[in-house]
Amino acid sequence: MIGGTWQTTLPDRSQSLAVPQIAATLVTLPVFLQAPWVRLHPFTATLFTIVLLTAGVNLQLNSRGRRAEIGSLLVGFSGSWLAGCLFWGWLRAHPLLHLPIEAFALPLAVTGLNSRWRLACGFYLASLLGTVCTDLMMLATGVMPFWPQVVSAPLHEAGLQLHDAAIQLLRPQSLTLLATAATGILITARLLRQRSLEGTAGDDLLGMAAAVLTTTLWVDGLFLAAALLQPGLSGLI
């Protein structure tokens, strides 16, 4: 009786623990897979959205447990992937269009948070929040004007221009802004993770959002390091 009671009352974390890990992995794909692909073949990279969406929908509708969660995350990721392909493939020289394009599915994602697709919507919204933070920091630190120059420059000049932009972020004022923003993101992620571990309703969604925000911060840090040390590896040029 006692063993049976514990078995039925204790929450099973084996499924939900996988959600943050999978979400974090998906956040890194735009850097290592999408960026070089879009730069070389933007049309085929955009068409890959159909593959992601189809696989995600099929897994979510026809599976249970972890496979269904993966499917839901793939559906959310397909929205971020499509937006990234459209912007970086054809509109990359227009930074003011970045957030509007990334947010194209915002109304759908917000309304879907209470549906069976809540993980998909949550992943998309958390990714969008990370993108907003990144773009706001670029604007606040004064490196946004470098953006169109870097992506429009000839390849032999783009690396130097990207490096010059990264140097601007090493100024005391810029470092203070970046440190403040990073601290805020980490605190937010920690609070979300704590609520997830406490078993708050929607805990898998909160843990996933925390993982997405934290991973976005690490990806941005790696991008800055690459821009300073080896601009050609940044994925931007």
C-alpha atoms as a PDB file:
ATOM      1  CA  MET A   1       0.000   0.000   0.000  1.00  0.00           C
ATOM      2  CA  ILE A   2       2.720   2.453   0.988  1.00  0.00           C
ATOM      3  CA  GLY A   3       4.809   1.645  -2.067  1.00  0.00           C
ATOM      4  CA  GLY A   4       1.755   1.927  -4.276  1.00  0.00           C
ATOM      5  CA  THR A   5       0.837   5.266  -2.723  1.00  0.00           C
ATOM      6  CA  TRP A   6       4.241   6.736  -3.412  1.00  0.00           C
ATOM      7  CA  GLN A   7       4.190   5.427  -6.950  1.00  0.00           C
ATOM      8  CA  THR A   8       0.937   7.189  -7.717  1.00  0.00           C
ATOM      9  CA  THR A   9       1.591  10.482  -5.895  1.00  0.00           C
ATOM     10  CA  LEU A  10       5.189  11.304  -6.677  1.00  0.00           C
ATOM     11  CA  PRO A  11       5.557  13.181 -10.009  1.00  0.00           C
ATOM     12  CA  ASP A  12       7.410  11.361 -12.744  1.00  0.00           C
ATOM     13  CA  ARG A  13      10.222  13.653 -13.835  1.00  0.00           C
ATOM     14  CA  SER A  14      11.687  11.279 -16.428  1.00  0.00           C
ATOM     15  CA  GLN A  15       9.610  12.829 -19.200  1.00  0.00           C
ATOM     16  CA  SER A  16       9.745  16.500 -18.199  1.00  0.00           C
ATOM     17  CA  LEU A  17      13.486  16.459 -17.514  1.00  0.00           C
ATOM     18  CA  ALA A  18      14.094  15.652 -21.166  1.00  0.00           C
ATOM     19  CA  VAL A  19      12.183  18.721 -22.354  1.00  0.00           C
ATOM     20  CA  PRO A  20      14.752  21.359 -21.244  1.00  0.00           C
ATOM     21  CA  GLN A  21      17.623  19.305 -22.642  1.00  0.00           C
ATOM     22  CA  ILE A  22      15.992  18.871 -26.029  1.00  0.00           C
ATOM     23  CA  ALA A  23      14.968  22.541 -26.122  1.00  0.00           C
ATOM     24  CA  ALA A  24      18.532  23.647 -25.337  1.00  0.00           C
ATOM     25  CA  THR A  25      19.851  21.481 -28.165  1.00  0.00           C
ATOM     26  CA  LEU A  26      17.394  22.997 -30.620  1.00  0.00           C
ATOM     27  CA  VAL A  27      18.499  26.519 -29.638  1.00  0.00           C
ATOM     28  CA  THR A  28      22.041  25.743 -30.790  1.00  0.00           C
ATOM     29  CA  LEU A  29      21.030  24.451 -34.229  1.00  0.00           C
ATOM     30  CA  PRO A  30      20.628  27.885 -35.868  1.00  0.00           C
ATOM     31  CA  VAL A  31      24.293  28.589 -35.125  1.00  0.00           C
ATOM     32  CA  PHE A  32      25.799  25.290 -36.230  1.00  0.00           C
ATOM     33  CA  LEU A  33      23.362  24.213 -38.955  1.00  0.00           C
ATOM     34  CA  GLN A  34      21.025  26.957 -40.092  1.00  0.00           C
ATOM     35  CA  ALA A  35      23.515  29.832 -40.411  1.00  0.00           C
ATOM     36  CA  PRO A  36      25.881  28.169 -42.913  1.00  0.00           C
ATOM     37  CA  TRP A  37      22.976  26.506 -44.731  1.00  0.00           C
ATOM     38  CA  VAL A  38      21.031  29.744 -45.183  1.00  0.00           C
ATOM     39  CA  ARG A  39      24.144  31.552 -46.311  1.00  0.00           C
ATOM     40  CA  LEU A  40      24.744  29.003 -49.079  1.00  0.00           C
ATOM     41  CA  HIS A  41      21.211  27.870 -50.034  1.00  0.00           C
ATOM     42  CA  PRO A  42      18.488  29.975 -48.403  1.00  0.00           C
ATOM     43  CA  PHE A  43      15.678  28.437 -50.460  1.00  0.00           C
ATOM     44  CA  THR A  44      16.383  24.832 -49.501  1.00  0.00           C
ATOM     45  CA  ALA A  45      16.936  25.855 -45.877  1.00  0.00           C
ATOM     46  CA  THR A  46      13.514  27.516 -45.908  1.00  0.00           C
ATOM     47  CA  LEU A  47      11.906  24.419 -47.432  1.00  0.00           C
ATOM     48  CA  PHE A  48      13.332  22.381 -44.556  1.00  0.00           C
ATOM     49  CA  THR A  49      10.692  24.088 -42.402  1.00  0.00           C
ATOM     50  CA  ILE A  50       8.155  21.711 -43.975  1.00  0.00           C
ATOM     51  CA  VAL A  51      10.202  18.717 -42.833  1.00  0.00           C
ATOM     52  CA  LEU A  52      10.439  20.038 -39.283  1.00  0.00           C
ATOM     53  CA  LEU A  53       6.755  20.909 -39.094  1.00  0.00           C
ATOM     54  CA  THR A  54       5.574  17.625 -40.598  1.00  0.00           C
ATOM     55  CA  ALA A  55       7.780  15.528 -38.334  1.00  0.00           C
ATOM     56  CA  GLY A  56       6.716  17.534 -35.295  1.00  0.00           C
ATOM     57  CA  VAL A  57       2.997  17.308 -35.991  1.00  0.00           C
ATOM     58  CA  ASN A  58       3.195  13.572 -36.693  1.00  0.00           C
ATOM     59  CA  LEU A  59       5.123  12.885 -33.496  1.00  0.00           C
ATOM     60  CA  GLN A  60       2.834  15.019 -31.370  1.00  0.00           C
ATOM     61  CA  LEU A  61      -0.394  13.554 -32.732  1.00  0.00           C
ATOM     62  CA  ASN A  62       0.648   9.931 -33.042  1.00  0.00           C
ATOM     63  CA  SER A  63       2.946   9.411 -30.054  1.00  0.00           C
ATOM     64  CA  ARG A  64       2.921   9.684 -26.290  1.00  0.00           C
ATOM     65  CA  GLY A  65       5.344  10.761 -23.621  1.00  0.00           C
ATOM     66  CA  ARG A  66       8.770  11.929 -24.650  1.00  0.00           C
ATOM     67  CA  ARG A  67       8.210  11.416 -28.382  1.00  0.00           C
ATOM     68  CA  ALA A  68       5.117  13.612 -28.260  1.00  0.00           C
ATOM     69  CA  GLU A  69       7.085  16.261 -26.372  1.00  0.00           C
ATOM     70  CA  ILE A  70       9.812  16.178 -29.012  1.00  0.00           C
ATOM     71  CA  GLY A  71       7.160  16.593 -31.675  1.00  0.00           C
ATOM     72  CA  SER A  72       5.692  19.624 -29.944  1.00  0.00           C
ATOM     73  CA  LEU A  73       9.134  21.202 -29.570  1.00  0.00           C
ATOM     74  CA  LEU A  74       9.846  20.600 -33.260  1.00  0.00           C
ATOM     75  CA  VAL A  75       6.641  22.420 -34.174  1.00  0.00           C
ATOM     76  CA  GLY A  76       7.714  25.438 -32.108  1.00  0.00           C
ATOM     77  CA  PHE A  77      11.231  25.242 -33.492  1.00  0.00           C
ATOM     78  CA  SER A  78       9.890  25.200 -37.057  1.00  0.00           C
ATOM     79  CA  GLY A  79       8.450  28.669 -36.492  1.00  0.00           C
ATOM     80  CA  SER A  80      11.784  30.032 -35.313  1.00  0.00           C
ATOM     81  CA  TRP A  81      13.567  28.224 -38.146  1.00  0.00           C
ATOM     82  CA  LEU A  82      11.272  29.699 -40.808  1.00  0.00           C
ATOM     83  CA  ALA A  83      11.653  33.223 -39.467  1.00  0.00           C
ATOM     84  CA  GLY A  84      15.429  32.851 -39.354  1.00  0.00           C
ATOM     85  CA  CYS A  85      15.581  31.584 -42.924  1.00  0.00           C
ATOM     86  CA  LEU A  86      13.426  34.404 -44.252  1.00  0.00           C
ATOM     87  CA  PHE A  87      15.415  37.102 -42.507  1.00  0.00           C
ATOM     88  CA  TRP A  88      18.968  35.800 -42.884  1.00  0.00           C
ATOM     89  CA  GLY A  89      18.335  34.530 -46.379  1.00  0.00           C
ATOM     90  CA  TRP A  90      16.934  37.680 -47.957  1.00  0.00           C
ATOM     91  CA  LEU A  91      16.608  40.561 -45.473  1.00  0.00           C
ATOM     92  CA  ARG A  92      19.734  40.288 -43.343  1.00  0.00           C
ATOM     93  CA  ALA A  93      20.915  43.797 -44.258  1.00  0.00           C
ATOM     94  CA  HIS A  94      17.826  45.330 -42.600  1.00  0.00           C
ATOM     95  CA  PRO A  95      18.148  44.867 -38.819  1.00  0.00           C
ATOM     96  CA  LEU A  96      14.958  46.802 -38.072  1.00  0.00           C
ATOM     97  CA  LEU A  97      13.015  44.007 -39.766  1.00  0.00           C
ATOM     98  CA  HIS A  98      14.589  41.293 -37.630  1.00  0.00           C
ATOM     99  CA  LEU A  99      12.183  41.300 -34.692  1.00  0.00           C
ATOM    100  CA  PRO A 100       9.005  41.808 -36.760  1.00  0.00           C
ATOM    101  CA  ILE A 101       9.917  38.792 -38.881  1.00  0.00           C
ATOM    102  CA  GLU A 102      10.931  36.683 -35.887  1.00  0.00           C
ATOM    103  CA  ALA A 103       7.610  37.561 -34.223  1.00  0.00           C
ATOM    104  CA  PHE A 104       5.412  36.626 -37.201  1.00  0.00           C
ATOM    105  CA  ALA A 105       3.734  33.801 -35.260  1.00  0.00           C
ATOM    106  CA  LEU A 106       3.392  35.707 -31.975  1.00  0.00           C
ATOM    107  CA  PRO A 107      -0.445  35.890 -31.903  1.00  0.00           C
ATOM    108  CA  LEU A 108      -0.754  32.196 -32.710  1.00  0.00           C
ATOM    109  CA  ALA A 109       1.813  31.253 -30.072  1.00  0.00           C
ATOM    110  CA  VAL A 110       0.128  33.276 -27.326  1.00  0.00           C
ATOM    111  CA  THR A 111      -3.313  31.849 -28.028  1.00  0.00           C
ATOM    112  CA  GLY A 112      -1.913  28.327 -28.180  1.00  0.00           C
ATOM    113  CA  LEU A 113      -0.412  28.302 -24.682  1.00  0.00           C
ATOM    114  CA  ASN A 114      -3.553  26.686 -23.272  1.00  0.00           C
ATOM    115  CA  SER A 115      -3.815  24.058 -25.986  1.00  0.00           C
ATOM    116  CA  ARG A 116      -2.138  20.705 -26.624  1.00  0.00           C
ATOM    117  CA  TRP A 117       0.545  22.690 -28.441  1.00  0.00           C
ATOM    118  CA  ARG A 118       1.626  24.637 -25.367  1.00  0.00           C
ATOM    119  CA  LEU A 119       5.196  23.300 -25.497  1.00  0.00           C
ATOM    120  CA  ALA A 120       5.478  24.355 -29.129  1.00  0.00           C
ATOM    121  CA  CYS A 121       4.139  27.805 -28.329  1.00  0.00           C
ATOM    122  CA  GLY A 122       6.276  28.088 -25.203  1.00  0.00           C
ATOM    123  CA  PHE A 123       9.440  27.189 -27.076  1.00  0.00           C
ATOM    124  CA  TYR A 124       8.708  29.738 -29.798  1.00  0.00           C
ATOM    125  CA  LEU A 125       7.924  32.467 -27.251  1.00  0.00           C
ATOM    126  CA  ALA A 126      11.015  31.747 -25.135  1.00  0.00           C
ATOM    127  CA  SER A 127      13.197  31.793 -28.247  1.00  0.00           C
ATOM    128  CA  LEU A 128      11.611  35.064 -29.307  1.00  0.00           C
ATOM    129  CA  LEU A 129      12.258  36.567 -25.871  1.00  0.00           C
ATOM    130  CA  GLY A 130      15.903  35.576 -26.134  1.00  0.00           C
ATOM    131  CA  THR A 131      16.102  37.207 -29.561  1.00  0.00           C
ATOM    132  CA  VAL A 132      14.508  40.378 -28.207  1.00  0.00           C
ATOM    133  CA  CYS A 133      17.080  40.539 -25.419  1.00  0.00           C
ATOM    134  CA  THR A 134      19.932  40.063 -27.879  1.00  0.00           C
ATOM    135  CA  ASP A 135      18.703  42.749 -30.269  1.00  0.00           C
ATOM    136  CA  LEU A 136      18.008  45.218 -27.454  1.00  0.00           C
ATOM    137  CA  MET A 137      21.543  44.774 -26.163  1.00  0.00           C
ATOM    138  CA  MET A 138      22.949  45.356 -29.638  1.00  0.00           C
ATOM    139  CA  LEU A 139      20.945  48.555 -29.801  1.00  0.00           C
ATOM    140  CA  ALA A 140      21.854  49.694 -26.278  1.00  0.00           C
ATOM    141  CA  THR A 141      25.577  49.057 -26.754  1.00  0.00           C
ATOM    142  CA  GLY A 142      25.672  50.899 -30.064  1.00  0.00           C
ATOM    143  CA  VAL A 143      26.726  48.031 -32.331  1.00  0.00           C
ATOM    144  CA  MET A 144      23.481  47.825 -34.293  1.00  0.00           C
ATOM    145  CA  PRO A 145      24.796  50.182 -37.051  1.00  0.00           C
ATOM    146  CA  PHE A 146      27.596  47.673 -37.736  1.00  0.00           C
ATOM    147  CA  TRP A 147      25.065  44.984 -38.623  1.00  0.00           C
ATOM    148  CA  PRO A 148      24.181  45.992 -42.224  1.00  0.00           C
ATOM    149  CA  GLN A 149      27.792  46.932 -42.892  1.00  0.00           C
ATOM    150  CA  VAL A 150      29.099  43.522 -41.823  1.00  0.00           C
ATOM    151  CA  VAL A 151      26.562  41.396 -43.708  1.00  0.00           C
ATOM    152  CA  SER A 152      26.860  43.530 -46.876  1.00  0.00           C
ATOM    153  CA  ALA A 153      30.656  43.751 -46.946  1.00  0.00           C
ATOM    154  CA  PRO A 154      32.819  41.596 -49.227  1.00  0.00           C
ATOM    155  CA  LEU A 155      33.978  38.426 -47.504  1.00  0.00           C
ATOM    156  CA  HIS A 156      37.555  39.613 -47.142  1.00  0.00           C
ATOM    157  CA  GLU A 157      36.363  42.764 -45.314  1.00  0.00           C
ATOM    158  CA  ALA A 158      33.434  41.375 -43.310  1.00  0.00           C
ATOM    159  CA  GLY A 159      35.610  39.592 -40.764  1.00  0.00           C
ATOM    160  CA  LEU A 160      37.522  42.744 -39.857  1.00  0.00           C
ATOM    161  CA  GLN A 161      34.312  44.767 -39.579  1.00  0.00           C
ATOM    162  CA  LEU A 162      32.728  42.135 -37.349  1.00  0.00           C
ATOM    163  CA  HIS A 163      35.819  42.141 -35.168  1.00  0.00           C
ATOM    164  CA  ASP A 164      35.655  45.940 -34.892  1.00  0.00           C
ATOM    165  CA  ALA A 165      32.013  45.700 -33.840  1.00  0.00           C
ATOM    166  CA  ALA A 166      32.889  43.132 -31.179  1.00  0.00           C
ATOM    167  CA  ILE A 167      35.627  45.402 -29.844  1.00  0.00           C
ATOM    168  CA  GLN A 168      32.945  48.023 -29.142  1.00  0.00           C
ATOM    169  CA  LEU A 169      31.366  45.603 -26.684  1.00  0.00           C
ATOM    170  CA  LEU A 170      34.534  45.582 -24.579  1.00  0.00           C
ATOM    171  CA  ARG A 171      34.057  49.197 -23.524  1.00  0.00           C
ATOM    172  CA  PRO A 172      33.217  49.607 -19.799  1.00  0.00           C
ATOM    173  CA  GLN A 173      29.748  50.985 -20.497  1.00  0.00           C
ATOM    174  CA  SER A 174      28.935  48.151 -22.893  1.00  0.00           C
ATOM    175  CA  LEU A 175      30.302  45.496 -20.545  1.00  0.00           C
ATOM    176  CA  THR A 176      28.171  46.909 -17.724  1.00  0.00           C
ATOM    177  CA  LEU A 177      25.042  46.738 -19.859  1.00  0.00           C
ATOM    178  CA  LEU A 178      25.840  43.213 -21.006  1.00  0.00           C
ATOM    179  CA  ALA A 179      26.593  42.015 -17.483  1.00  0.00           C
ATOM    180  CA  THR A 180      23.351  43.528 -16.184  1.00  0.00           C
ATOM    181  CA  ALA A 181      21.303  41.928 -18.955  1.00  0.00           C
ATOM    182  CA  ALA A 182      23.011  38.547 -18.499  1.00  0.00           C
ATOM    183  CA  THR A 183      22.375  38.659 -14.748  1.00  0.00           C
ATOM    184  CA  GLY A 184      18.721  39.457 -15.336  1.00  0.00           C
ATOM    185  CA  ILE A 185      18.350  36.570 -17.773  1.00  0.00           C
ATOM    186  CA  LEU A 186      20.083  34.124 -15.426  1.00  0.00           C
ATOM    187  CA  ILE A 187      17.932  35.197 -12.472  1.00  0.00           C
ATOM    188  CA  THR A 188      14.780  34.828 -14.550  1.00  0.00           C
ATOM    189  CA  ALA A 189      15.867  31.393 -15.755  1.00  0.00           C
ATOM    190  CA  ARG A 190      16.674  30.316 -12.201  1.00  0.00           C
ATOM    191  CA  LEU A 191      13.258  31.397 -10.926  1.00  0.00           C
ATOM    192  CA  LEU A 192      11.555  29.520 -13.753  1.00  0.00           C
ATOM    193  CA  ARG A 193      13.640  26.437 -13.052  1.00  0.00           C
ATOM    194  CA  GLN A 194      12.834  26.567  -9.335  1.00  0.00           C
ATOM    195  CA  ARG A 195       9.110  26.742 -10.023  1.00  0.00           C
ATOM    196  CA  SER A 196       9.520  23.830 -12.399  1.00  0.00           C
ATOM    197  CA  LEU A 197      11.242  21.706  -9.761  1.00  0.00           C
ATOM    198  CA  GLU A 198       8.598  22.628  -7.201  1.00  0.00           C
ATOM    199  CA  GLY A 199       6.001  21.048  -9.424  1.00  0.00           C
ATOM    200  CA  THR A 200       4.115  24.207 -10.339  1.00  0.00           C
ATOM    201  CA  ALA A 201       1.379  23.721 -12.925  1.00  0.00           C
ATOM    202  CA  GLY A 202       2.972  23.790 -16.330  1.00  0.00           C
ATOM    203  CA  ASP A 203       6.350  22.926 -14.796  1.00  0.00           C
ATOM    204  CA  ASP A 204       7.703  21.335 -17.964  1.00  0.00           C
ATOM    205  CA  LEU A 205       6.914  24.539 -19.839  1.00  0.00           C
ATOM    206  CA  LEU A 206       8.748  26.655 -17.268  1.00  0.00           C
ATOM    207  CA  GLY A 207      11.783  24.391 -17.200  1.00  0.00           C
ATOM    208  CA  MET A 208      11.914  24.451 -20.972  1.00  0.00           C
ATOM    209  CA  ALA A 209      11.712  28.257 -21.062  1.00  0.00           C
ATOM    210  CA  ALA A 210      14.552  28.472 -18.535  1.00  0.00           C
ATOM    211  CA  ALA A 211      16.709  26.189 -20.681  1.00  0.00           C
ATOM    212  CA  VAL A 212      16.006  28.207 -23.823  1.00  0.00           C
ATOM    213  CA  LEU A 213      16.915  31.521 -22.177  1.00  0.00           C
ATOM    214  CA  THR A 214      20.079  30.151 -20.592  1.00  0.00           C
ATOM    215  CA  THR A 215      21.236  28.489 -23.802  1.00  0.00           C
ATOM    216  CA  THR A 216      20.540  31.662 -25.787  1.00  0.00           C
ATOM    217  CA  LEU A 217      22.813  33.532 -23.397  1.00  0.00           C
ATOM    218  CA  TRP A 218      25.607  30.981 -23.874  1.00  0.00           C
ATOM    219  CA  VAL A 219      25.187  31.059 -27.648  1.00  0.00           C
ATOM    220  CA  ASP A 220      25.463  34.851 -27.630  1.00  0.00           C
ATOM    221  CA  GLY A 221      28.604  34.583 -25.526  1.00  0.00           C
ATOM    222  CA  LEU A 222      30.138  32.102 -27.962  1.00  0.00           C
ATOM    223  CA  PHE A 223      29.230  34.394 -30.846  1.00  0.00           C
ATOM    224  CA  LEU A 224      31.019  37.309 -29.165  1.00  0.00           C
ATOM    225  CA  ALA A 225      34.080  35.156 -28.505  1.00  0.00           C
ATOM    226  CA  ALA A 226      34.134  34.007 -32.129  1.00  0.00           C
ATOM    227  CA  ALA A 227      33.758  37.578 -33.392  1.00  0.00           C
ATOM    228  CA  LEU A 228      36.745  38.618 -31.297  1.00  0.00           C
ATOM    229  CA  LEU A 229      38.999  35.629 -31.964  1.00  0.00           C
ATOM    230  CA  GLN A 230      37.920  34.132 -35.288  1.00  0.00           C
ATOM    231  CA  PRO A 231      35.112  36.126 -37.016  1.00  0.00           C
ATOM    232  CA  GLY A 232      34.793  33.593 -39.811  1.00  0.00           C
ATOM    233  CA  LEU A 233      33.482  31.031 -37.318  1.00  0.00           C
ATOM    234  CA  SER A 234      30.722  33.277 -35.993  1.00  0.00           C
ATOM    235  CA  GLY A 235      28.154  32.109 -38.553  1.00  0.00           C
ATOM    236  CA  LEU A 236      27.246  35.678 -39.470  1.00  0.00           C
ATOM    237  CA  ILE A 237      29.577  36.008 -42.454  1.00  0.00           C
END
